[in-house]
Amino acid sequence: MSWQADFVLLTYRIRKQRLNKGLSQIEAANLIGVCERSYRDFEAGKSDLSSSRLFKLAQALGIQILIS
């Protein structure tokens, strides 16, 4: 699998888990200290997050990220 496919899968899983937790995109953005637009672009696959923000988001959503 390519890194692009991995990224799409990651953003899909994050969006799904955010919705399962009942969080809006604004609330998720506030959790990690980014503006709503940056968060929306991340979920849409148009931009990325810093690794520290990505891990903080994953932790808040209960998602485990493994780097290999």
N, C-alpha and C. Protein backbone atom coordinates (compact mmCIF):
# COMPACT_ATOMS: atom_id res chain seq x y z
N MET A 1 0.85 -1.17 0.00
CA MET A 1 0.00 0.00 0.00
C MET A 1 0.90 1.24 0.00
N SER A 2 0.50 2.26 -0.71
CA SER A 2 1.28 3.50 -0.79
C SER A 2 1.00 4.38 0.42
N TRP A 3 1.87 5.36 0.64
CA TRP A 3 1.64 6.28 1.75
C TRP A 3 0.37 7.10 1.54
N GLN A 4 0.03 7.37 0.26
CA GLN A 4 -1.19 8.14 0.00
C GLN A 4 -2.43 7.35 0.42
N ALA A 5 -2.42 6.07 0.11
CA ALA A 5 -3.54 5.22 0.51
C ALA A 5 -3.62 5.10 2.03
N ASP A 6 -2.46 5.00 2.66
CA ASP A 6 -2.43 4.96 4.13
C ASP A 6 -3.00 6.23 4.72
N PHE A 7 -2.67 7.38 4.12
CA PHE A 7 -3.15 8.67 4.61
C PHE A 7 -4.67 8.76 4.46
N VAL A 8 -5.19 8.33 3.33
CA VAL A 8 -6.64 8.34 3.12
C VAL A 8 -7.33 7.45 4.14
N LEU A 9 -6.77 6.29 4.39
CA LEU A 9 -7.34 5.37 5.39
C LEU A 9 -7.30 5.99 6.78
N LEU A 10 -6.20 6.64 7.11
CA LEU A 10 -6.07 7.28 8.41
C LEU A 10 -7.11 8.37 8.59
N THR A 11 -7.24 9.25 7.62
CA THR A 11 -8.22 10.34 7.75
C THR A 11 -9.65 9.80 7.81
N TYR A 12 -9.92 8.72 7.06
CA TYR A 12 -11.24 8.08 7.11
C TYR A 12 -11.52 7.55 8.52
N ARG A 13 -10.54 6.85 9.09
CA ARG A 13 -10.71 6.27 10.43
C ARG A 13 -10.89 7.36 11.48
N ILE A 14 -10.13 8.43 11.35
CA ILE A 14 -10.24 9.53 12.31
C ILE A 14 -11.62 10.18 12.21
N ARG A 15 -12.08 10.43 11.00
CA ARG A 15 -13.41 11.03 10.83
C ARG A 15 -14.50 10.13 11.42
N LYS A 16 -14.42 8.84 11.12
CA LYS A 16 -15.41 7.89 11.61
C LYS A 16 -15.42 7.86 13.14
N GLN A 17 -14.25 7.83 13.74
CA GLN A 17 -14.17 7.78 15.21
C GLN A 17 -14.62 9.11 15.83
N ARG A 18 -14.29 10.22 15.19
CA ARG A 18 -14.75 11.52 15.68
C ARG A 18 -16.28 11.56 15.72
N LEU A 19 -16.90 11.08 14.64
CA LEU A 19 -18.36 11.05 14.59
C LEU A 19 -18.93 10.09 15.62
N ASN A 20 -18.28 8.95 15.82
CA ASN A 20 -18.73 8.00 16.84
C ASN A 20 -18.68 8.61 18.24
N LYS A 21 -17.71 9.47 18.47
CA LYS A 21 -17.56 10.13 19.77
C LYS A 21 -18.48 11.34 19.90
N GLY A 22 -19.17 11.71 18.81
CA GLY A 22 -20.09 12.82 18.84
C GLY A 22 -19.41 14.18 18.82
N LEU A 23 -18.20 14.25 18.28
CA LEU A 23 -17.47 15.51 18.22
C LEU A 23 -17.64 16.17 16.87
N SER A 24 -17.78 17.48 16.88
CA SER A 24 -17.81 18.24 15.63
C SER A 24 -16.36 18.47 15.19
N GLN A 25 -16.20 18.94 13.97
CA GLN A 25 -14.86 19.28 13.50
C GLN A 25 -14.29 20.44 14.30
N ILE A 26 -15.12 21.36 14.72
CA ILE A 26 -14.65 22.49 15.54
C ILE A 26 -14.13 21.99 16.88
N GLU A 27 -14.86 21.07 17.49
CA GLU A 27 -14.43 20.53 18.78
C GLU A 27 -13.13 19.76 18.64
N ALA A 28 -13.00 18.98 17.59
CA ALA A 28 -11.76 18.23 17.36
C ALA A 28 -10.60 19.18 17.12
N ALA A 29 -10.84 20.23 16.35
CA ALA A 29 -9.80 21.22 16.09
C ALA A 29 -9.35 21.88 17.39
N ASN A 30 -10.30 22.22 18.23
CA ASN A 30 -9.98 22.85 19.52
C ASN A 30 -9.17 21.91 20.42
N LEU A 31 -9.47 20.62 20.36
CA LEU A 31 -8.73 19.65 21.16
C LEU A 31 -7.23 19.66 20.86
N ILE A 32 -6.90 19.90 19.60
CA ILE A 32 -5.49 19.81 19.20
C ILE A 32 -4.87 21.16 18.90
N GLY A 33 -5.64 22.23 19.06
CA GLY A 33 -5.09 23.57 18.92
C GLY A 33 -4.86 24.04 17.50
N VAL A 34 -5.78 23.68 16.59
CA VAL A 34 -5.71 24.20 15.22
C VAL A 34 -7.04 24.86 14.89
N CYS A 35 -7.05 25.67 13.85
CA CYS A 35 -8.30 26.30 13.44
C CYS A 35 -9.18 25.26 12.73
N GLU A 36 -10.46 25.58 12.68
CA GLU A 36 -11.42 24.66 12.06
C GLU A 36 -11.04 24.35 10.61
N ARG A 37 -10.62 25.36 9.88
CA ARG A 37 -10.27 25.18 8.46
C ARG A 37 -9.12 24.18 8.29
N SER A 38 -8.10 24.29 9.13
CA SER A 38 -6.98 23.37 9.07
C SER A 38 -7.43 21.94 9.35
N TYR A 39 -8.32 21.81 10.33
CA TYR A 39 -8.82 20.48 10.66
C TYR A 39 -9.66 19.91 9.51
N ARG A 40 -10.54 20.73 8.96
CA ARG A 40 -11.37 20.27 7.83
C ARG A 40 -10.50 19.83 6.67
N ASP A 41 -9.46 20.61 6.36
CA ASP A 41 -8.55 20.25 5.27
C ASP A 41 -7.83 18.94 5.56
N PHE A 42 -7.47 18.71 6.82
CA PHE A 42 -6.84 17.45 7.19
C PHE A 42 -7.78 16.28 6.94
N GLU A 43 -9.00 16.37 7.44
CA GLU A 43 -9.94 15.27 7.25
C GLU A 43 -10.27 15.03 5.78
N ALA A 44 -10.21 16.09 4.98
CA ALA A 44 -10.48 15.96 3.55
C ALA A 44 -9.26 15.46 2.78
N GLY A 45 -8.14 15.30 3.47
CA GLY A 45 -6.93 14.82 2.81
C GLY A 45 -6.19 15.89 2.04
N LYS A 46 -6.52 17.16 2.28
CA LYS A 46 -5.90 18.26 1.55
C LYS A 46 -4.64 18.79 2.23
N SER A 47 -4.47 18.49 3.50
CA SER A 47 -3.28 18.92 4.23
C SER A 47 -3.01 17.91 5.34
N ASP A 48 -1.88 18.07 5.98
CA ASP A 48 -1.57 17.15 7.07
C ASP A 48 -1.43 17.92 8.37
N LEU A 49 -1.28 17.18 9.46
CA LEU A 49 -1.07 17.75 10.78
C LEU A 49 0.34 17.43 11.23
N SER A 50 0.86 18.22 12.13
CA SER A 50 2.16 17.87 12.72
C SER A 50 2.00 16.55 13.46
N SER A 51 3.09 15.85 13.62
CA SER A 51 3.01 14.54 14.28
C SER A 51 2.50 14.68 15.71
N SER A 52 2.90 15.73 16.40
CA SER A 52 2.43 15.89 17.79
C SER A 52 0.92 16.10 17.84
N ARG A 53 0.39 16.88 16.90
CA ARG A 53 -1.06 17.09 16.87
C ARG A 53 -1.80 15.84 16.44
N LEU A 54 -1.24 15.11 15.50
CA LEU A 54 -1.86 13.88 15.04
C LEU A 54 -1.94 12.86 16.17
N PHE A 55 -0.86 12.71 16.93
CA PHE A 55 -0.88 11.76 18.05
C PHE A 55 -1.82 12.22 19.15
N LYS A 56 -1.90 13.53 19.38
CA LYS A 56 -2.82 14.06 20.37
C LYS A 56 -4.27 13.78 19.97
N LEU A 57 -4.57 13.97 18.70
CA LEU A 57 -5.91 13.69 18.19
C LEU A 57 -6.24 12.20 18.30
N ALA A 58 -5.31 11.38 17.88
CA ALA A 58 -5.53 9.93 17.96
C ALA A 58 -5.78 9.50 19.40
N GLN A 59 -5.01 10.04 20.32
CA GLN A 59 -5.20 9.69 21.73
C GLN A 59 -6.58 10.12 22.21
N ALA A 60 -7.00 11.33 21.86
CA ALA A 60 -8.31 11.82 22.28
C ALA A 60 -9.45 10.98 21.71
N LEU A 61 -9.24 10.42 20.52
CA LEU A 61 -10.28 9.62 19.87
C LEU A 61 -10.17 8.14 20.19
N GLY A 62 -9.10 7.74 20.87
CA GLY A 62 -8.91 6.33 21.20
C GLY A 62 -8.42 5.50 20.02
N ILE A 63 -7.66 6.13 19.14
CA ILE A 63 -7.10 5.44 17.98
C ILE A 63 -5.61 5.23 18.21
N GLN A 64 -5.16 4.02 17.95
CA GLN A 64 -3.74 3.71 18.08
C GLN A 64 -3.07 3.85 16.72
N ILE A 65 -1.98 4.60 16.69
CA ILE A 65 -1.21 4.77 15.46
C ILE A 65 0.11 4.03 15.60
N LEU A 66 0.36 3.14 14.68
CA LEU A 66 1.62 2.39 14.67
C LEU A 66 2.44 2.86 13.49
N ILE A 67 3.69 3.16 13.75
CA ILE A 67 4.60 3.57 12.70
C ILE A 67 5.59 2.44 12.44
N SER A 68 5.68 2.04 11.19
CA SER A 68 6.62 0.95 10.89
C SER A 68 7.58 1.37 9.83
